[in-house]
Amino acid sequence: MVCRSAHLGREHHHPDRPRPVGPLAFGLTDGDSQAWSVRNGIAGQPFRRSRRTAVTEQGQPLQHTHRTQERSYVLPDQRIQHEAVEVIAAGATDALDQAREVTLAAHLTQRADPAHQKTATADCADPDASPWPAPSGGCAASFLLCLACTNSL
């Protein structure tokens, strides 16, 4: 936003906007928007609302980090919260369906076999025959996957 300054020659004291060029001032400070709101009988900060709408409509950070985009613009936006309900519900339903399909593939034994390799959750009968092989050989699975592996005892 560009406007004509009513106070030519004053020292620039606004670190949140660029220096004026001649009679032209650029941007708005919080004080500018608050004074305008009071003069026009508008509650709140209307310029912030329009900025938030523009930033969330764009869908990507504009002059700020991705974290600021998410925390300051996307998460507080009620329209986006409302639109996200169906997406979140679908994701939760998919996760529940996947969890219901998982079964314990390990074999239960009375005693550990000293020939088997120990892991954090189970003993492994044959790490070289893993359903999740590592490029260099052996098993690349997370220790939690041992419970879903037919090699675990």
N, C-alpha and C. Protein backbone atom coordinates (compact mmCIF):
# COMPACT_ATOMS: atom_id res chain seq x y z
N MET A 1 0.85 -1.16 0.00
CA MET A 1 0.00 0.00 0.00
C MET A 1 0.90 1.24 0.00
N VAL A 2 0.56 2.18 -0.82
CA VAL A 2 1.32 3.43 -0.91
C VAL A 2 0.37 4.57 -0.60
N CYS A 3 0.86 5.53 0.19
CA CYS A 3 0.03 6.71 0.49
C CYS A 3 0.92 7.96 0.50
N ARG A 4 0.28 9.11 0.45
CA ARG A 4 1.01 10.37 0.52
C ARG A 4 1.14 10.75 1.98
N SER A 5 2.36 10.99 2.39
CA SER A 5 2.62 11.33 3.78
C SER A 5 2.22 12.76 4.06
N ALA A 6 1.56 12.97 5.19
CA ALA A 6 1.16 14.32 5.60
C ALA A 6 2.28 15.01 6.35
N HIS A 7 3.32 14.28 6.71
CA HIS A 7 4.40 14.83 7.53
C HIS A 7 5.74 14.66 6.82
N LEU A 8 6.02 15.53 5.88
CA LEU A 8 7.29 15.47 5.16
C LEU A 8 8.45 15.87 6.06
N GLY A 9 9.57 15.21 5.87
CA GLY A 9 10.77 15.58 6.60
C GLY A 9 10.92 14.98 7.99
N ARG A 10 9.91 14.29 8.48
CA ARG A 10 10.04 13.64 9.79
C ARG A 10 11.01 12.46 9.71
N GLU A 11 11.65 12.19 10.84
CA GLU A 11 12.57 11.05 10.90
C GLU A 11 11.76 9.75 10.84
N HIS A 12 12.29 8.76 10.13
CA HIS A 12 11.61 7.47 9.97
C HIS A 12 11.81 6.62 11.23
N HIS A 13 10.71 6.23 11.90
CA HIS A 13 10.78 5.45 13.14
C HIS A 13 10.01 4.14 13.05
N HIS A 14 9.75 3.63 11.87
CA HIS A 14 8.92 2.44 11.72
C HIS A 14 9.74 1.28 11.17
N PRO A 15 10.27 0.41 12.04
CA PRO A 15 11.06 -0.71 11.54
C PRO A 15 10.23 -1.76 10.80
N ASP A 16 8.89 -1.70 10.93
CA ASP A 16 8.05 -2.69 10.27
C ASP A 16 7.58 -2.26 8.89
N ARG A 17 8.08 -1.14 8.37
CA ARG A 17 7.77 -0.75 6.99
C ARG A 17 8.95 0.01 6.40
N PRO A 18 9.05 0.02 5.05
CA PRO A 18 10.20 0.68 4.41
C PRO A 18 10.20 2.20 4.63
N ARG A 19 11.37 2.79 4.43
CA ARG A 19 11.50 4.25 4.53
C ARG A 19 10.69 4.93 3.43
N PRO A 20 10.13 6.11 3.71
CA PRO A 20 9.39 6.84 2.67
C PRO A 20 10.35 7.34 1.58
N VAL A 21 9.78 7.55 0.41
CA VAL A 21 10.53 8.14 -0.69
C VAL A 21 9.82 9.44 -1.05
N GLY A 22 10.45 10.54 -0.69
CA GLY A 22 9.81 11.84 -0.90
C GLY A 22 8.51 11.89 -0.11
N PRO A 23 7.40 12.25 -0.77
CA PRO A 23 6.12 12.33 -0.06
C PRO A 23 5.38 10.99 0.02
N LEU A 24 5.98 9.91 -0.50
CA LEU A 24 5.29 8.62 -0.53
C LEU A 24 5.71 7.72 0.62
N ALA A 25 4.73 7.21 1.34
CA ALA A 25 4.98 6.26 2.43
C ALA A 25 4.46 4.90 1.97
N PHE A 26 5.12 3.83 2.45
CA PHE A 26 4.79 2.47 2.01
C PHE A 26 4.37 1.62 3.20
N GLY A 27 3.31 0.82 3.01
CA GLY A 27 2.88 -0.12 4.03
C GLY A 27 2.11 0.55 5.15
N LEU A 28 1.69 -0.25 6.09
CA LEU A 28 0.95 0.23 7.25
C LEU A 28 1.56 -0.34 8.52
N THR A 29 1.62 0.46 9.54
CA THR A 29 2.04 -0.05 10.84
C THR A 29 0.78 -0.44 11.60
N ASP A 30 0.94 -1.14 12.72
CA ASP A 30 -0.22 -1.47 13.55
C ASP A 30 -0.92 -0.20 14.03
N GLY A 31 -0.12 0.83 14.34
CA GLY A 31 -0.70 2.11 14.78
C GLY A 31 -1.55 2.75 13.70
N ASP A 32 -1.10 2.67 12.45
CA ASP A 32 -1.88 3.22 11.34
C ASP A 32 -3.24 2.54 11.24
N SER A 33 -3.23 1.21 11.27
CA SER A 33 -4.49 0.48 11.11
C SER A 33 -5.41 0.69 12.31
N GLN A 34 -4.84 0.78 13.50
CA GLN A 34 -5.67 1.01 14.69
C GLN A 34 -6.31 2.40 14.64
N ALA A 35 -5.53 3.41 14.24
CA ALA A 35 -6.07 4.77 14.15
C ALA A 35 -7.18 4.83 13.09
N TRP A 36 -6.97 4.20 11.95
CA TRP A 36 -7.97 4.18 10.89
C TRP A 36 -9.24 3.49 11.37
N SER A 37 -9.10 2.36 12.08
CA SER A 37 -10.26 1.63 12.60
C SER A 37 -11.06 2.49 13.56
N VAL A 38 -10.39 3.20 14.44
CA VAL A 38 -11.08 4.06 15.42
C VAL A 38 -11.82 5.18 14.69
N ARG A 39 -11.13 5.84 13.74
CA ARG A 39 -11.75 6.94 13.00
C ARG A 39 -12.98 6.49 12.22
N ASN A 40 -12.99 5.25 11.77
CA ASN A 40 -14.09 4.76 10.94
C ASN A 40 -15.07 3.87 11.70
N GLY A 41 -14.90 3.77 13.02
CA GLY A 41 -15.84 3.02 13.86
C GLY A 41 -15.83 1.52 13.61
N ILE A 42 -14.68 0.97 13.29
CA ILE A 42 -14.57 -0.46 13.02
C ILE A 42 -13.81 -1.12 14.17
N ALA A 43 -14.40 -2.19 14.72
CA ALA A 43 -13.74 -2.90 15.82
C ALA A 43 -12.71 -3.87 15.25
N GLY A 44 -11.68 -4.13 16.01
CA GLY A 44 -10.66 -5.11 15.60
C GLY A 44 -9.66 -4.53 14.63
N GLN A 45 -9.01 -5.42 13.90
CA GLN A 45 -7.99 -5.01 12.95
C GLN A 45 -8.35 -5.55 11.56
N PRO A 46 -9.05 -4.75 10.77
CA PRO A 46 -9.54 -5.23 9.47
C PRO A 46 -8.43 -5.59 8.49
N PHE A 47 -7.28 -4.92 8.57
CA PHE A 47 -6.20 -5.22 7.63
C PHE A 47 -5.60 -6.59 7.90
N ARG A 48 -5.55 -6.99 9.15
CA ARG A 48 -5.04 -8.32 9.49
C ARG A 48 -5.95 -9.41 8.95
N ARG A 49 -7.28 -9.17 9.05
CA ARG A 49 -8.22 -10.15 8.53
C ARG A 49 -8.06 -10.32 7.03
N SER A 50 -7.88 -9.23 6.29
CA SER A 50 -7.72 -9.35 4.84
C SER A 50 -6.40 -10.03 4.51
N ARG A 51 -5.35 -9.76 5.27
CA ARG A 51 -4.06 -10.42 5.05
C ARG A 51 -4.21 -11.92 5.30
N ARG A 52 -4.88 -12.29 6.40
CA ARG A 52 -5.05 -13.71 6.72
C ARG A 52 -5.81 -14.42 5.60
N THR A 53 -6.85 -13.79 5.06
CA THR A 53 -7.61 -14.39 3.98
C THR A 53 -6.74 -14.57 2.74
N ALA A 54 -5.98 -13.56 2.38
CA ALA A 54 -5.11 -13.64 1.20
C ALA A 54 -4.06 -14.74 1.37
N VAL A 55 -3.47 -14.83 2.54
CA VAL A 55 -2.41 -15.82 2.77
C VAL A 55 -2.97 -17.23 2.76
N THR A 56 -4.12 -17.46 3.36
CA THR A 56 -4.68 -18.82 3.37
C THR A 56 -5.21 -19.21 1.99
N GLU A 57 -5.72 -18.25 1.22
CA GLU A 57 -6.18 -18.55 -0.14
C GLU A 57 -5.02 -18.96 -1.03
N GLN A 58 -3.87 -18.34 -0.84
CA GLN A 58 -2.69 -18.64 -1.65
C GLN A 58 -2.22 -20.07 -1.43
N GLY A 59 -2.33 -20.56 -0.19
CA GLY A 59 -1.97 -21.93 0.11
C GLY A 59 -0.49 -22.18 0.33
N GLN A 60 0.31 -21.17 0.33
CA GLN A 60 1.74 -21.32 0.58
C GLN A 60 2.25 -20.05 1.26
N PRO A 61 3.38 -20.15 1.95
CA PRO A 61 3.91 -18.98 2.65
C PRO A 61 4.21 -17.81 1.70
N LEU A 62 3.82 -16.63 2.12
CA LEU A 62 4.12 -15.39 1.40
C LEU A 62 4.94 -14.50 2.33
N GLN A 63 6.20 -14.40 2.14
CA GLN A 63 7.08 -13.54 2.95
C GLN A 63 7.21 -14.01 4.39
N HIS A 64 7.05 -15.30 4.65
CA HIS A 64 7.27 -15.84 5.99
C HIS A 64 7.56 -17.33 5.86
N THR A 65 7.89 -17.96 6.97
CA THR A 65 8.26 -19.37 6.95
C THR A 65 7.02 -20.27 6.87
N HIS A 66 7.25 -21.53 6.54
CA HIS A 66 6.17 -22.51 6.50
C HIS A 66 5.55 -22.66 7.89
N ARG A 67 6.39 -22.61 8.92
CA ARG A 67 5.88 -22.74 10.30
C ARG A 67 4.93 -21.58 10.63
N THR A 68 5.32 -20.37 10.26
CA THR A 68 4.45 -19.21 10.50
C THR A 68 3.16 -19.35 9.71
N GLN A 69 3.26 -19.83 8.47
CA GLN A 69 2.08 -20.06 7.63
C GLN A 69 1.09 -20.96 8.36
N GLU A 70 1.60 -22.08 8.88
CA GLU A 70 0.72 -23.04 9.54
C GLU A 70 0.18 -22.50 10.86
N ARG A 71 1.05 -21.97 11.71
CA ARG A 71 0.65 -21.57 13.07
C ARG A 71 -0.17 -20.29 13.10
N SER A 72 0.19 -19.31 12.28
CA SER A 72 -0.46 -18.00 12.37
C SER A 72 -1.61 -17.80 11.39
N TYR A 73 -1.61 -18.55 10.31
CA TYR A 73 -2.63 -18.32 9.29
C TYR A 73 -3.56 -19.52 9.09
N VAL A 74 -3.01 -20.70 8.87
CA VAL A 74 -3.84 -21.85 8.51
C VAL A 74 -4.60 -22.41 9.72
N LEU A 75 -3.90 -22.75 10.80
CA LEU A 75 -4.56 -23.39 11.95
C LEU A 75 -5.66 -22.53 12.58
N PRO A 76 -5.50 -21.21 12.72
CA PRO A 76 -6.58 -20.43 13.32
C PRO A 76 -7.77 -20.16 12.38
N ASP A 77 -7.62 -20.41 11.10
CA ASP A 77 -8.66 -20.09 10.13
C ASP A 77 -9.84 -21.05 10.27
N GLN A 78 -11.00 -20.53 10.68
CA GLN A 78 -12.17 -21.38 10.93
C GLN A 78 -12.70 -22.06 9.67
N ARG A 79 -12.57 -21.39 8.54
CA ARG A 79 -13.01 -21.99 7.28
C ARG A 79 -12.17 -23.23 6.97
N ILE A 80 -10.87 -23.13 7.16
CA ILE A 80 -9.98 -24.26 6.91
C ILE A 80 -10.24 -25.37 7.92
N GLN A 81 -10.48 -25.00 9.18
CA GLN A 81 -10.80 -26.01 10.19
C GLN A 81 -12.05 -26.78 9.79
N HIS A 82 -13.06 -26.07 9.32
CA HIS A 82 -14.31 -26.71 8.91
C HIS A 82 -14.08 -27.65 7.72
N GLU A 83 -13.29 -27.21 6.74
CA GLU A 83 -13.02 -28.03 5.56
C GLU A 83 -12.17 -29.25 5.90
N ALA A 84 -11.37 -29.16 6.96
CA ALA A 84 -10.47 -30.25 7.32
C ALA A 84 -11.18 -31.40 8.04
N VAL A 85 -12.37 -31.19 8.55
CA VAL A 85 -13.07 -32.21 9.33
C VAL A 85 -13.23 -33.50 8.53
N GLU A 86 -13.69 -33.42 7.29
CA GLU A 86 -13.91 -34.61 6.47
C GLU A 86 -12.59 -35.32 6.16
N VAL A 87 -11.54 -34.54 5.89
CA VAL A 87 -10.23 -35.12 5.58
C VAL A 87 -9.68 -35.87 6.80
N ILE A 88 -9.78 -35.25 7.96
CA ILE A 88 -9.28 -35.88 9.19
C ILE A 88 -10.09 -37.13 9.52
N ALA A 89 -11.40 -37.05 9.36
CA ALA A 89 -12.26 -38.22 9.63
C ALA A 89 -11.93 -39.37 8.68
N ALA A 90 -11.69 -39.07 7.41
CA ALA A 90 -11.33 -40.12 6.45
C ALA A 90 -10.00 -40.76 6.82
N GLY A 91 -9.04 -39.95 7.23
CA GLY A 91 -7.74 -40.48 7.64
C GLY A 91 -7.85 -41.35 8.88
N ALA A 92 -8.65 -40.93 9.84
CA ALA A 92 -8.84 -41.73 11.05
C ALA A 92 -9.54 -43.05 10.73
N THR A 93 -10.50 -43.02 9.83
CA THR A 93 -11.20 -44.24 9.42
C THR A 93 -10.24 -45.20 8.72
N ASP A 94 -9.40 -44.68 7.82
CA ASP A 94 -8.40 -45.52 7.15
C ASP A 94 -7.44 -46.14 8.15
N ALA A 95 -6.98 -45.36 9.12
CA ALA A 95 -6.06 -45.88 10.14
C ALA A 95 -6.73 -46.98 10.96
N LEU A 96 -7.98 -46.79 11.30
CA LEU A 96 -8.72 -47.81 12.05
C LEU A 96 -8.87 -49.09 11.23
N ASP A 97 -9.20 -48.95 9.95
CA ASP A 97 -9.33 -50.12 9.08
C ASP A 97 -8.01 -50.88 8.98
N GLN A 98 -6.91 -50.16 8.84
CA GLN A 98 -5.59 -50.81 8.77
C GLN A 98 -5.26 -51.51 10.08
N ALA A 99 -5.57 -50.88 11.20
CA ALA A 99 -5.29 -51.48 12.51
C ALA A 99 -6.10 -52.75 12.71
N ARG A 100 -7.30 -52.79 12.21
CA ARG A 100 -8.14 -53.99 12.35
C ARG A 100 -7.62 -55.16 11.51
N GLU A 101 -6.89 -54.84 10.42
CA GLU A 101 -6.36 -55.89 9.54
C GLU A 101 -5.07 -56.51 10.07
N VAL A 102 -4.39 -55.82 10.97
CA VAL A 102 -3.10 -56.30 11.47
C VAL A 102 -3.32 -57.44 12.46
N THR A 103 -2.53 -58.47 12.29
CA THR A 103 -2.59 -59.60 13.23
C THR A 103 -1.19 -59.89 13.72
N LEU A 104 -1.10 -60.55 14.81
CA LEU A 104 0.19 -60.95 15.37
C LEU A 104 0.68 -62.16 14.57
N ALA A 105 1.80 -61.99 13.86
CA ALA A 105 2.33 -63.07 13.02
C ALA A 105 3.39 -63.88 13.77
N ALA A 106 3.85 -63.40 14.89
CA ALA A 106 4.90 -64.09 15.63
C ALA A 106 4.39 -65.41 16.19
N HIS A 107 5.31 -66.31 16.42
CA HIS A 107 4.99 -67.61 17.03
C HIS A 107 5.39 -67.56 18.51
N LEU A 108 4.54 -67.99 19.36
CA LEU A 108 4.83 -67.97 20.78
C LEU A 108 5.50 -69.29 21.20
N THR A 109 6.58 -69.19 21.97
CA THR A 109 7.29 -70.38 22.46
C THR A 109 7.45 -70.27 23.97
N GLN A 110 7.74 -71.41 24.61
CA GLN A 110 7.92 -71.42 26.06
C GLN A 110 9.28 -70.84 26.47
N ARG A 111 10.34 -71.12 25.65
CA ARG A 111 11.68 -70.64 25.99
C ARG A 111 12.35 -70.04 24.77
N ALA A 112 13.28 -69.13 25.03
CA ALA A 112 14.05 -68.52 23.95
C ALA A 112 15.03 -69.54 23.38
N ASP A 113 15.25 -69.48 22.10
CA ASP A 113 16.21 -70.35 21.42
C ASP A 113 17.53 -69.59 21.31
N PRO A 114 18.63 -70.11 21.87
CA PRO A 114 19.90 -69.39 21.83
C PRO A 114 20.42 -69.16 20.41
N ALA A 115 19.94 -69.91 19.42
CA ALA A 115 20.38 -69.73 18.03
C ALA A 115 19.68 -68.55 17.35
N HIS A 116 18.63 -68.07 17.96
CA HIS A 116 17.89 -66.96 17.36
C HIS A 116 18.47 -65.61 17.78
N GLN A 117 18.35 -64.62 16.90
CA GLN A 117 18.84 -63.27 17.20
C GLN A 117 17.79 -62.54 18.04
N LYS A 118 18.24 -61.88 19.11
CA LYS A 118 17.33 -61.15 19.98
C LYS A 118 17.07 -59.76 19.41
N THR A 119 15.82 -59.31 19.51
CA THR A 119 15.46 -57.92 19.17
C THR A 119 14.75 -57.33 20.38
N ALA A 120 14.33 -56.11 20.29
CA ALA A 120 13.68 -55.45 21.42
C ALA A 120 12.31 -56.04 21.73
N THR A 121 11.66 -56.63 20.73
CA THR A 121 10.30 -57.13 20.94
C THR A 121 10.15 -58.64 20.81
N ALA A 122 11.06 -59.30 20.08
CA ALA A 122 10.93 -60.75 19.86
C ALA A 122 12.28 -61.32 19.45
N ASP A 123 12.37 -62.64 19.43
CA ASP A 123 13.57 -63.30 18.89
C ASP A 123 13.31 -63.54 17.41
N CYS A 124 14.40 -63.46 16.60
CA CYS A 124 14.27 -63.63 15.16
C CYS A 124 14.93 -64.93 14.74
N ALA A 125 14.15 -65.79 14.06
CA ALA A 125 14.66 -67.08 13.63
C ALA A 125 15.57 -66.96 12.41
N ASP A 126 15.32 -65.97 11.52
CA ASP A 126 16.12 -65.88 10.30
C ASP A 126 16.11 -64.44 9.75
N PRO A 127 16.99 -63.57 10.26
CA PRO A 127 17.00 -62.18 9.79
C PRO A 127 17.38 -62.04 8.32
N ASP A 128 18.05 -63.06 7.74
CA ASP A 128 18.42 -62.98 6.32
C ASP A 128 17.23 -63.26 5.40
N ALA A 129 16.16 -63.83 5.92
CA ALA A 129 14.96 -64.11 5.13
C ALA A 129 13.84 -63.13 5.51
N SER A 130 14.19 -61.90 5.79
CA SER A 130 13.24 -60.89 6.23
C SER A 130 12.30 -60.46 5.11
N PRO A 131 11.03 -60.21 5.45
CA PRO A 131 10.11 -59.62 4.47
C PRO A 131 10.49 -58.16 4.16
N TRP A 132 11.37 -57.58 4.99
CA TRP A 132 11.84 -56.20 4.82
C TRP A 132 13.36 -56.21 4.72
N PRO A 133 13.91 -56.71 3.61
CA PRO A 133 15.37 -56.85 3.51
C PRO A 133 16.09 -55.50 3.41
N ALA A 134 17.28 -55.46 3.99
CA ALA A 134 18.15 -54.29 3.88
C ALA A 134 18.97 -54.42 2.60
N PRO A 135 19.38 -53.32 1.98
CA PRO A 135 20.18 -53.39 0.75
C PRO A 135 21.48 -54.17 0.95
N SER A 136 22.05 -54.11 2.15
CA SER A 136 23.31 -54.80 2.42
C SER A 136 23.08 -56.21 2.98
N GLY A 137 21.85 -56.67 3.01
CA GLY A 137 21.52 -57.98 3.56
C GLY A 137 20.96 -57.87 4.96
N GLY A 138 20.31 -58.88 5.44
CA GLY A 138 19.71 -58.85 6.77
C GLY A 138 18.35 -58.17 6.74
N CYS A 139 17.92 -57.74 7.89
CA CYS A 139 16.59 -57.15 8.04
C CYS A 139 16.68 -55.64 8.25
N ALA A 140 15.84 -54.88 7.55
CA ALA A 140 15.83 -53.43 7.68
C ALA A 140 14.60 -52.93 8.44
N ALA A 141 13.81 -53.85 8.97
CA ALA A 141 12.56 -53.46 9.62
C ALA A 141 12.80 -52.81 10.98
N SER A 142 11.87 -51.94 11.35
CA SER A 142 11.84 -51.40 12.70
C SER A 142 11.54 -52.55 13.66
N PHE A 143 12.03 -52.47 14.89
CA PHE A 143 11.81 -53.56 15.85
C PHE A 143 10.32 -53.81 16.11
N LEU A 144 9.48 -52.81 15.90
CA LEU A 144 8.04 -53.02 16.09
C LEU A 144 7.44 -53.92 15.02
N LEU A 145 8.07 -53.94 13.83
CA LEU A 145 7.58 -54.82 12.77
C LEU A 145 7.86 -56.27 13.06
N CYS A 146 8.75 -56.56 13.99
CA CYS A 146 9.03 -57.95 14.37
C CYS A 146 7.74 -58.67 14.78
N LEU A 147 6.83 -57.95 15.38
CA LEU A 147 5.58 -58.57 15.84
C LEU A 147 4.69 -58.98 14.67
N ALA A 148 4.94 -58.42 13.49
CA ALA A 148 4.14 -58.77 12.30
C ALA A 148 4.91 -59.70 11.37
N CYS A 149 6.06 -60.18 11.80
CA CYS A 149 6.94 -61.00 10.96
C CYS A 149 6.81 -62.48 11.31
N THR A 150 6.79 -63.32 10.27
CA THR A 150 6.71 -64.77 10.51
C THR A 150 8.01 -65.35 11.02
N ASN A 151 9.11 -64.62 10.98
CA ASN A 151 10.40 -65.08 11.51
C ASN A 151 10.52 -64.87 13.01
N SER A 152 9.59 -64.12 13.61
CA SER A 152 9.73 -63.81 15.03
C SER A 152 9.14 -64.90 15.91
N LEU A 153 9.78 -65.10 17.05
CA LEU A 153 9.36 -66.12 18.02
C LEU A 153 9.25 -65.48 19.39
